[in-house]
C-alpha cells in the first residue's frame, strides 16, 4: 500500500464554546465552559437542566429559510463548518482542481431533530400515515457529507 500525504489547510467549527475557529480557540485558551441552560427543547421535566449546545447559531445568516428547511440541524452545522474550512484554506473553488480537494466531516448520528419532529407530528395526527417526503433524506447519518459535496460541487 502506497502512503499518501494529506494536508489540513482549513478548519471550521460550530461548538458550544464558539462558532468559528478563532472563537473556539479563544474559548479554549480562556477556559470558557460550553455548558448552559437547555434551550433546544422543554427540559422542565428532566433532572438535568443544562447541556453543551451550539449557541447563537442562526442558519438564515448562511442560507435562505426555504433551503434550510430541507436540512436537519446537524446538516446545517456541516454545511456551515465546511464553508468555514474552505474559506479558512483560502481556496477559490473556481480555480482549483476539485479532484484534489476534499472536506472531512463526520457525525456519529444525525437527524435526531427531524426524527423527533416527524414522529411527534405523526402521533398528533389523525392516524393516517403521513410523513414529510424529506424525512429520510434529512435524517440519514451520511447525508451531511453528501450535502457538502453537492454544495461545494466536489462530486
N, C-alpha and C. Protein backbone atom coordinates (compact mmCIF):
# COMPACT_ATOMS: atom_id res chain seq x y z
N UNK A 1 0.84 -1.17 0.00
CA UNK A 1 0.00 0.00 0.00
C UNK A 1 0.89 1.24 0.00
N UNK A 2 0.61 2.13 -0.92
CA UNK A 2 1.36 3.37 -1.01
C UNK A 2 0.73 4.42 -0.09
N UNK A 3 1.52 5.00 0.77
CA UNK A 3 1.01 6.05 1.66
C UNK A 3 0.98 7.38 0.93
N UNK A 4 -0.07 8.12 1.14
CA UNK A 4 -0.19 9.44 0.52
C UNK A 4 -0.28 10.47 1.62
N UNK A 5 0.23 11.63 1.34
CA UNK A 5 0.18 12.71 2.32
C UNK A 5 -1.14 13.46 2.23
N UNK A 6 -1.59 13.87 3.37
CA UNK A 6 -2.79 14.69 3.46
C UNK A 6 -2.41 15.94 4.22
N UNK A 7 -2.85 17.08 3.72
CA UNK A 7 -2.54 18.34 4.36
C UNK A 7 -3.85 19.00 4.78
N UNK A 8 -3.94 19.37 6.03
CA UNK A 8 -5.10 20.12 6.51
C UNK A 8 -4.80 21.59 6.29
N UNK A 9 -5.56 22.21 5.40
CA UNK A 9 -5.29 23.61 5.06
C UNK A 9 -6.33 24.57 5.61
N UNK A 10 -7.47 24.06 6.03
CA UNK A 10 -8.52 24.93 6.53
C UNK A 10 -9.36 24.22 7.56
N UNK A 11 -9.85 24.97 8.52
CA UNK A 11 -10.67 24.41 9.60
C UNK A 11 -11.99 25.19 9.71
N UNK A 12 -13.00 24.52 10.22
CA UNK A 12 -14.27 25.15 10.52
C UNK A 12 -14.83 24.52 11.79
N UNK A 13 -15.62 25.27 12.53
CA UNK A 13 -16.16 24.72 13.79
C UNK A 13 -17.42 25.46 14.21
N UNK A 14 -18.39 24.69 14.64
CA UNK A 14 -19.57 25.20 15.35
C UNK A 14 -19.63 24.39 16.62
N UNK A 15 -19.33 25.02 17.74
CA UNK A 15 -19.19 24.29 19.01
C UNK A 15 -19.89 25.03 20.13
N UNK A 16 -20.05 24.39 21.27
CA UNK A 16 -20.65 25.08 22.42
C UNK A 16 -19.82 26.26 22.96
N UNK A 17 -18.55 26.35 22.56
CA UNK A 17 -17.76 27.49 23.06
C UNK A 17 -17.33 28.45 21.96
N UNK A 18 -17.81 28.24 20.75
CA UNK A 18 -17.50 29.16 19.67
C UNK A 18 -17.98 28.67 18.33
N UNK A 19 -18.41 29.60 17.50
CA UNK A 19 -18.97 29.23 16.20
C UNK A 19 -18.01 29.52 15.05
N UNK A 20 -16.74 29.55 15.35
CA UNK A 20 -15.69 29.69 14.35
C UNK A 20 -14.40 29.22 15.01
N UNK A 21 -13.37 29.01 14.21
CA UNK A 21 -12.09 28.57 14.79
C UNK A 21 -11.52 29.63 15.74
N UNK A 22 -11.51 30.92 15.39
CA UNK A 22 -11.00 31.91 16.35
C UNK A 22 -11.79 31.94 17.67
N UNK A 23 -13.13 31.87 17.57
CA UNK A 23 -13.96 31.86 18.79
C UNK A 23 -13.69 30.60 19.61
N UNK A 24 -13.58 29.46 18.95
CA UNK A 24 -13.30 28.20 19.63
C UNK A 24 -11.95 28.28 20.33
N UNK A 25 -10.93 28.73 19.64
CA UNK A 25 -9.60 28.81 20.22
C UNK A 25 -9.59 29.75 21.42
N UNK A 26 -10.23 30.91 21.27
CA UNK A 26 -10.30 31.88 22.37
C UNK A 26 -10.99 31.26 23.58
N UNK A 27 -12.07 30.52 23.33
CA UNK A 27 -12.78 29.86 24.42
C UNK A 27 -11.93 28.80 25.10
N UNK A 28 -11.19 28.04 24.32
CA UNK A 28 -10.31 27.00 24.88
C UNK A 28 -9.21 27.62 25.73
N UNK A 29 -8.55 28.63 25.20
CA UNK A 29 -7.44 29.28 25.90
C UNK A 29 -7.90 29.94 27.19
N UNK A 30 -9.11 30.47 27.18
CA UNK A 30 -9.63 31.18 28.35
C UNK A 30 -10.49 30.32 29.26
N UNK A 31 -10.54 29.03 29.01
CA UNK A 31 -11.27 28.11 29.89
C UNK A 31 -12.77 28.34 29.92
N UNK A 32 -13.34 28.77 28.80
CA UNK A 32 -14.78 29.02 28.72
C UNK A 32 -15.52 27.69 28.75
N UNK A 33 -16.58 27.61 29.53
CA UNK A 33 -17.41 26.42 29.57
C UNK A 33 -18.48 26.51 28.49
N UNK A 34 -18.73 25.41 27.85
CA UNK A 34 -19.79 25.35 26.85
C UNK A 34 -21.15 25.03 27.45
N UNK A 35 -21.19 24.71 28.73
CA UNK A 35 -22.44 24.33 29.39
C UNK A 35 -23.33 25.54 29.59
N UNK A 36 -24.62 25.31 29.49
CA UNK A 36 -25.60 26.36 29.72
C UNK A 36 -26.98 25.75 29.79
N UNK A 37 -27.99 26.55 30.07
CA UNK A 37 -29.36 26.04 30.14
C UNK A 37 -29.78 25.40 28.82
N UNK A 38 -30.53 24.32 28.89
CA UNK A 38 -31.05 23.66 27.69
C UNK A 38 -32.08 24.57 27.04
N UNK A 39 -31.88 24.81 25.74
CA UNK A 39 -32.79 25.69 25.02
C UNK A 39 -33.46 25.02 23.82
N UNK A 40 -32.97 23.87 23.40
CA UNK A 40 -33.46 23.25 22.18
C UNK A 40 -34.76 22.47 22.36
N UNK A 41 -35.14 22.22 23.61
CA UNK A 41 -36.40 21.55 23.89
C UNK A 41 -36.79 21.87 25.34
N UNK A 42 -38.03 21.56 25.68
CA UNK A 42 -38.51 21.79 27.04
C UNK A 42 -37.93 20.71 27.96
N UNK A 43 -36.99 21.11 28.79
CA UNK A 43 -36.32 20.17 29.70
C UNK A 43 -36.86 20.26 31.12
N UNK A 44 -38.00 20.92 31.29
CA UNK A 44 -38.52 21.18 32.64
C UNK A 44 -38.80 19.90 33.43
N UNK A 45 -39.08 18.80 32.77
CA UNK A 45 -39.37 17.55 33.48
C UNK A 45 -38.12 16.71 33.74
N UNK A 46 -36.99 17.19 33.28
CA UNK A 46 -35.73 16.46 33.46
C UNK A 46 -34.99 16.98 34.68
N UNK A 47 -34.28 16.08 35.33
CA UNK A 47 -33.48 16.47 36.49
C UNK A 47 -32.33 17.38 36.06
N UNK A 48 -31.71 17.06 34.95
CA UNK A 48 -30.60 17.87 34.43
C UNK A 48 -31.16 18.98 33.55
N UNK A 49 -30.76 20.19 33.82
CA UNK A 49 -31.28 21.35 33.10
C UNK A 49 -30.23 22.04 32.24
N UNK A 50 -29.06 21.45 32.11
CA UNK A 50 -28.00 22.09 31.32
C UNK A 50 -27.45 21.11 30.29
N UNK A 51 -26.83 21.66 29.27
CA UNK A 51 -26.20 20.86 28.21
C UNK A 51 -25.16 21.75 27.53
N UNK A 52 -24.42 21.16 26.65
CA UNK A 52 -23.43 21.91 25.86
C UNK A 52 -23.97 22.02 24.43
N UNK A 53 -24.83 23.00 24.22
CA UNK A 53 -25.44 23.24 22.92
C UNK A 53 -24.63 24.26 22.14
N UNK A 54 -24.74 24.20 20.82
CA UNK A 54 -24.20 25.28 19.98
C UNK A 54 -25.07 26.49 20.24
N UNK A 55 -24.43 27.60 20.53
CA UNK A 55 -25.17 28.82 20.89
C UNK A 55 -25.05 29.88 19.79
N UNK A 56 -26.03 30.76 19.74
CA UNK A 56 -26.01 31.92 18.83
C UNK A 56 -25.84 31.51 17.37
N UNK A 57 -26.51 30.44 17.00
CA UNK A 57 -26.44 29.97 15.61
C UNK A 57 -27.78 30.23 14.94
N UNK A 58 -27.75 31.01 13.88
CA UNK A 58 -28.95 31.31 13.09
C UNK A 58 -28.65 30.91 11.65
N UNK A 59 -29.27 29.85 11.19
CA UNK A 59 -28.97 29.33 9.86
C UNK A 59 -29.30 30.35 8.78
N UNK A 60 -30.23 31.26 9.02
CA UNK A 60 -30.58 32.24 7.99
C UNK A 60 -29.45 33.25 7.74
N UNK A 61 -28.43 33.23 8.57
CA UNK A 61 -27.23 34.03 8.27
C UNK A 61 -26.36 33.34 7.22
N UNK A 62 -26.70 32.09 6.88
CA UNK A 62 -25.86 31.31 5.98
C UNK A 62 -26.62 30.80 4.75
N UNK A 63 -27.92 30.64 4.84
CA UNK A 63 -28.73 30.20 3.70
C UNK A 63 -30.16 30.68 3.92
N UNK A 64 -30.93 30.71 2.83
CA UNK A 64 -32.31 31.18 2.99
C UNK A 64 -33.15 30.13 3.71
N UNK A 65 -34.23 30.60 4.30
CA UNK A 65 -35.08 29.76 5.14
C UNK A 65 -35.63 28.55 4.38
N UNK A 66 -36.00 28.73 3.12
CA UNK A 66 -36.55 27.62 2.33
C UNK A 66 -35.52 26.51 2.16
N UNK A 67 -34.28 26.88 1.85
CA UNK A 67 -33.21 25.88 1.72
C UNK A 67 -32.93 25.23 3.07
N UNK A 68 -32.91 26.02 4.14
CA UNK A 68 -32.62 25.50 5.48
C UNK A 68 -33.63 24.44 5.91
N UNK A 69 -34.88 24.57 5.50
CA UNK A 69 -35.91 23.60 5.87
C UNK A 69 -35.66 22.22 5.29
N UNK A 70 -34.82 22.15 4.26
CA UNK A 70 -34.51 20.86 3.64
C UNK A 70 -33.44 20.09 4.41
N UNK A 71 -32.86 20.73 5.43
CA UNK A 71 -31.74 20.13 6.16
C UNK A 71 -32.06 20.02 7.65
N UNK A 72 -31.67 18.91 8.23
CA UNK A 72 -31.70 18.78 9.69
C UNK A 72 -30.63 19.71 10.25
N UNK A 73 -30.76 20.05 11.52
CA UNK A 73 -29.81 20.97 12.15
C UNK A 73 -28.36 20.48 12.02
N UNK A 74 -28.14 19.17 12.14
CA UNK A 74 -26.77 18.68 12.05
C UNK A 74 -26.21 18.88 10.65
N UNK A 75 -27.04 18.77 9.62
CA UNK A 75 -26.58 19.03 8.25
C UNK A 75 -26.30 20.52 8.05
N UNK A 76 -27.10 21.35 8.69
CA UNK A 76 -26.83 22.79 8.63
C UNK A 76 -25.46 23.09 9.24
N UNK A 77 -25.18 22.47 10.38
CA UNK A 77 -23.86 22.64 11.01
C UNK A 77 -22.76 22.18 10.05
N UNK A 78 -22.98 21.06 9.39
CA UNK A 78 -21.98 20.51 8.48
C UNK A 78 -21.69 21.48 7.33
N UNK A 79 -22.74 22.01 6.73
CA UNK A 79 -22.57 22.92 5.60
C UNK A 79 -21.84 24.19 6.01
N UNK A 80 -22.23 24.75 7.14
CA UNK A 80 -21.60 26.00 7.59
C UNK A 80 -20.14 25.77 7.97
N UNK A 81 -19.85 24.69 8.71
CA UNK A 81 -18.47 24.44 9.11
C UNK A 81 -17.59 24.08 7.90
N UNK A 82 -18.16 23.42 6.89
CA UNK A 82 -17.40 23.13 5.67
C UNK A 82 -17.08 24.42 4.92
N UNK A 83 -18.05 25.32 4.84
CA UNK A 83 -17.79 26.62 4.21
C UNK A 83 -16.70 27.37 4.96
N UNK A 84 -16.73 27.30 6.29
CA UNK A 84 -15.68 27.94 7.09
C UNK A 84 -14.31 27.35 6.75
N UNK A 85 -14.24 26.04 6.62
CA UNK A 85 -12.96 25.37 6.33
C UNK A 85 -12.44 25.77 4.95
N UNK A 86 -13.31 25.83 3.97
CA UNK A 86 -12.90 26.24 2.63
C UNK A 86 -12.41 27.69 2.65
N UNK A 87 -13.14 28.56 3.35
CA UNK A 87 -12.73 29.97 3.46
C UNK A 87 -11.40 30.08 4.22
N UNK A 88 -11.26 29.31 5.30
CA UNK A 88 -10.03 29.33 6.10
C UNK A 88 -8.83 28.88 5.25
N UNK A 89 -9.06 27.95 4.35
CA UNK A 89 -7.99 27.45 3.48
C UNK A 89 -7.63 28.48 2.40
N UNK A 90 -8.54 29.41 2.16
CA UNK A 90 -8.29 30.41 1.12
C UNK A 90 -8.48 29.87 -0.28
N UNK A 91 -9.25 28.80 -0.41
CA UNK A 91 -9.46 28.18 -1.71
C UNK A 91 -10.44 28.99 -2.55
N UNK A 92 -10.11 29.13 -3.82
CA UNK A 92 -11.04 29.66 -4.80
C UNK A 92 -11.50 28.44 -5.59
N UNK A 93 -12.70 27.99 -5.33
CA UNK A 93 -13.20 26.75 -5.92
C UNK A 93 -13.32 26.81 -7.44
N UNK A 94 -13.28 28.02 -8.00
CA UNK A 94 -13.32 28.16 -9.45
C UNK A 94 -11.96 27.85 -10.09
N UNK A 95 -10.89 27.96 -9.28
CA UNK A 95 -9.54 27.87 -9.84
C UNK A 95 -8.76 26.63 -9.43
N UNK A 96 -9.32 25.79 -8.58
CA UNK A 96 -8.55 24.62 -8.13
C UNK A 96 -9.13 23.34 -8.72
N UNK A 97 -8.31 22.32 -8.72
CA UNK A 97 -8.73 21.00 -9.20
C UNK A 97 -9.54 20.33 -8.08
N UNK A 98 -10.84 20.28 -8.26
CA UNK A 98 -11.71 19.74 -7.22
C UNK A 98 -11.50 18.25 -6.98
N UNK A 99 -10.82 17.57 -7.89
CA UNK A 99 -10.50 16.16 -7.67
C UNK A 99 -9.37 16.00 -6.66
N UNK A 100 -8.70 17.10 -6.31
CA UNK A 100 -7.58 17.04 -5.38
C UNK A 100 -7.91 17.71 -4.05
N UNK A 101 -9.18 18.05 -3.85
CA UNK A 101 -9.60 18.74 -2.62
C UNK A 101 -10.74 17.94 -2.00
N UNK A 102 -10.74 17.88 -0.70
CA UNK A 102 -11.83 17.19 -0.01
C UNK A 102 -12.12 17.84 1.32
N UNK A 103 -13.29 17.58 1.81
CA UNK A 103 -13.69 18.05 3.14
C UNK A 103 -13.99 16.81 3.96
N UNK A 104 -13.40 16.72 5.13
CA UNK A 104 -13.68 15.60 6.03
C UNK A 104 -14.65 16.11 7.08
N UNK A 105 -15.80 15.46 7.16
CA UNK A 105 -16.81 15.83 8.14
C UNK A 105 -17.45 14.53 8.62
N UNK A 106 -17.62 14.41 9.92
CA UNK A 106 -18.18 13.16 10.44
C UNK A 106 -19.17 13.43 11.56
N UNK A 107 -20.10 12.50 11.69
CA UNK A 107 -21.07 12.55 12.77
C UNK A 107 -21.40 11.11 13.14
N UNK A 108 -21.49 10.85 14.43
CA UNK A 108 -21.85 9.51 14.88
C UNK A 108 -23.30 9.20 14.59
N UNK A 109 -24.12 10.22 14.61
CA UNK A 109 -25.54 10.06 14.34
C UNK A 109 -26.05 11.42 13.90
N UNK A 110 -27.08 11.43 13.16
CA UNK A 110 -27.63 12.70 12.70
C UNK A 110 -29.12 12.60 12.50
N UNK A 111 -29.73 13.73 12.32
CA UNK A 111 -31.14 13.77 12.00
C UNK A 111 -32.09 13.52 13.16
N UNK A 112 -31.60 13.62 14.37
CA UNK A 112 -32.47 13.32 15.52
C UNK A 112 -33.61 14.33 15.66
N UNK A 113 -33.35 15.60 15.34
CA UNK A 113 -34.42 16.60 15.41
C UNK A 113 -35.50 16.27 14.39
N UNK A 114 -35.10 15.91 13.20
CA UNK A 114 -36.05 15.52 12.16
C UNK A 114 -36.86 14.30 12.60
N UNK A 115 -36.19 13.31 13.14
CA UNK A 115 -36.87 12.11 13.60
C UNK A 115 -37.91 12.45 14.67
N UNK A 116 -37.49 13.23 15.65
CA UNK A 116 -38.41 13.62 16.74
C UNK A 116 -39.60 14.39 16.19
N UNK A 117 -39.35 15.35 15.32
CA UNK A 117 -40.43 16.16 14.77
C UNK A 117 -41.43 15.32 13.98
N UNK A 118 -40.92 14.43 13.15
CA UNK A 118 -41.79 13.61 12.32
C UNK A 118 -42.63 12.64 13.15
N UNK A 119 -42.03 12.01 14.13
CA UNK A 119 -42.77 11.08 14.97
C UNK A 119 -43.80 11.82 15.82
N UNK A 120 -43.42 12.97 16.36
CA UNK A 120 -44.36 13.77 17.15
C UNK A 120 -45.54 14.22 16.30
N UNK A 121 -45.27 14.70 15.08
CA UNK A 121 -46.35 15.13 14.19
C UNK A 121 -47.26 13.96 13.83
N UNK A 122 -46.67 12.80 13.61
CA UNK A 122 -47.46 11.61 13.28
C UNK A 122 -48.36 11.23 14.45
N UNK A 123 -47.81 11.27 15.67
CA UNK A 123 -48.58 10.89 16.86
C UNK A 123 -49.73 11.85 17.12
N UNK A 124 -49.55 13.12 16.78
CA UNK A 124 -50.61 14.11 16.99
C UNK A 124 -51.64 14.11 15.87
N UNK A 125 -51.32 13.44 14.77
CA UNK A 125 -52.19 13.47 13.60
C UNK A 125 -53.45 12.65 13.77
N UNK A 126 -54.14 12.46 12.65
CA UNK A 126 -55.41 11.74 12.66
C UNK A 126 -55.24 10.23 12.50
N UNK A 127 -53.99 9.74 12.54
CA UNK A 127 -53.74 8.32 12.41
C UNK A 127 -53.40 7.87 11.01
N UNK A 128 -53.59 8.76 10.03
CA UNK A 128 -53.23 8.44 8.66
C UNK A 128 -51.72 8.54 8.53
N UNK A 129 -51.06 7.48 8.06
CA UNK A 129 -49.59 7.50 7.99
C UNK A 129 -49.09 8.50 6.95
N UNK A 130 -48.66 9.66 7.42
CA UNK A 130 -48.11 10.71 6.56
C UNK A 130 -46.79 11.17 7.15
N UNK A 131 -45.80 11.19 6.31
CA UNK A 131 -44.52 11.73 6.71
C UNK A 131 -44.05 12.70 5.64
N UNK A 132 -43.29 13.68 6.06
CA UNK A 132 -42.69 14.63 5.15
C UNK A 132 -41.80 13.87 4.16
N UNK A 133 -41.86 14.20 2.87
CA UNK A 133 -41.02 13.48 1.90
C UNK A 133 -39.52 13.66 2.16
N UNK A 134 -39.16 14.67 2.93
CA UNK A 134 -37.75 14.89 3.28
C UNK A 134 -37.34 14.13 4.55
N UNK A 135 -38.26 13.37 5.14
CA UNK A 135 -37.98 12.69 6.41
C UNK A 135 -36.68 11.88 6.36
N UNK A 136 -36.60 10.91 5.50
CA UNK A 136 -35.40 10.07 5.43
C UNK A 136 -34.20 10.85 4.89
N UNK A 137 -34.34 11.60 3.79
CA UNK A 137 -33.18 12.35 3.31
C UNK A 137 -32.61 13.34 4.32
N UNK A 138 -33.42 13.84 5.24
CA UNK A 138 -32.92 14.79 6.23
C UNK A 138 -32.22 14.10 7.40
N UNK A 139 -32.50 12.84 7.64
CA UNK A 139 -32.01 12.26 8.89
C UNK A 139 -30.92 11.20 8.75
N UNK A 140 -30.70 10.66 7.56
CA UNK A 140 -29.67 9.63 7.47
C UNK A 140 -28.29 10.22 7.82
N UNK A 141 -27.51 9.44 8.53
CA UNK A 141 -26.27 9.94 9.13
C UNK A 141 -25.24 10.44 8.12
N UNK A 142 -25.21 9.88 6.92
CA UNK A 142 -24.19 10.32 5.97
C UNK A 142 -24.68 11.38 4.99
N UNK A 143 -25.89 11.89 5.19
CA UNK A 143 -26.42 12.88 4.26
C UNK A 143 -25.66 14.21 4.35
N UNK A 144 -25.13 14.53 5.52
CA UNK A 144 -24.40 15.79 5.66
C UNK A 144 -23.20 15.85 4.73
N UNK A 145 -22.44 14.76 4.64
CA UNK A 145 -21.29 14.75 3.74
C UNK A 145 -21.75 14.85 2.28
N UNK A 146 -22.88 14.26 1.97
CA UNK A 146 -23.44 14.39 0.63
C UNK A 146 -23.82 15.82 0.31
N UNK A 147 -24.46 16.49 1.27
CA UNK A 147 -24.83 17.90 1.07
C UNK A 147 -23.59 18.77 0.87
N UNK A 148 -22.54 18.50 1.63
CA UNK A 148 -21.30 19.26 1.47
C UNK A 148 -20.75 19.06 0.06
N UNK A 149 -20.71 17.83 -0.40
CA UNK A 149 -20.19 17.52 -1.72
C UNK A 149 -20.99 18.23 -2.81
N UNK A 150 -22.30 18.22 -2.70
CA UNK A 150 -23.15 18.89 -3.68
C UNK A 150 -22.95 20.40 -3.59
N UNK A 151 -22.99 20.94 -2.39
CA UNK A 151 -22.86 22.39 -2.17
C UNK A 151 -21.54 22.92 -2.73
N UNK A 152 -20.45 22.21 -2.48
CA UNK A 152 -19.13 22.66 -2.92
C UNK A 152 -18.77 22.13 -4.31
N UNK A 153 -19.69 21.38 -4.92
CA UNK A 153 -19.52 20.80 -6.26
C UNK A 153 -18.27 19.93 -6.33
N UNK A 154 -18.03 19.20 -5.24
CA UNK A 154 -16.93 18.23 -5.19
C UNK A 154 -17.53 16.85 -5.40
N UNK A 155 -18.02 16.62 -6.58
CA UNK A 155 -18.77 15.40 -6.87
C UNK A 155 -17.88 14.27 -7.24
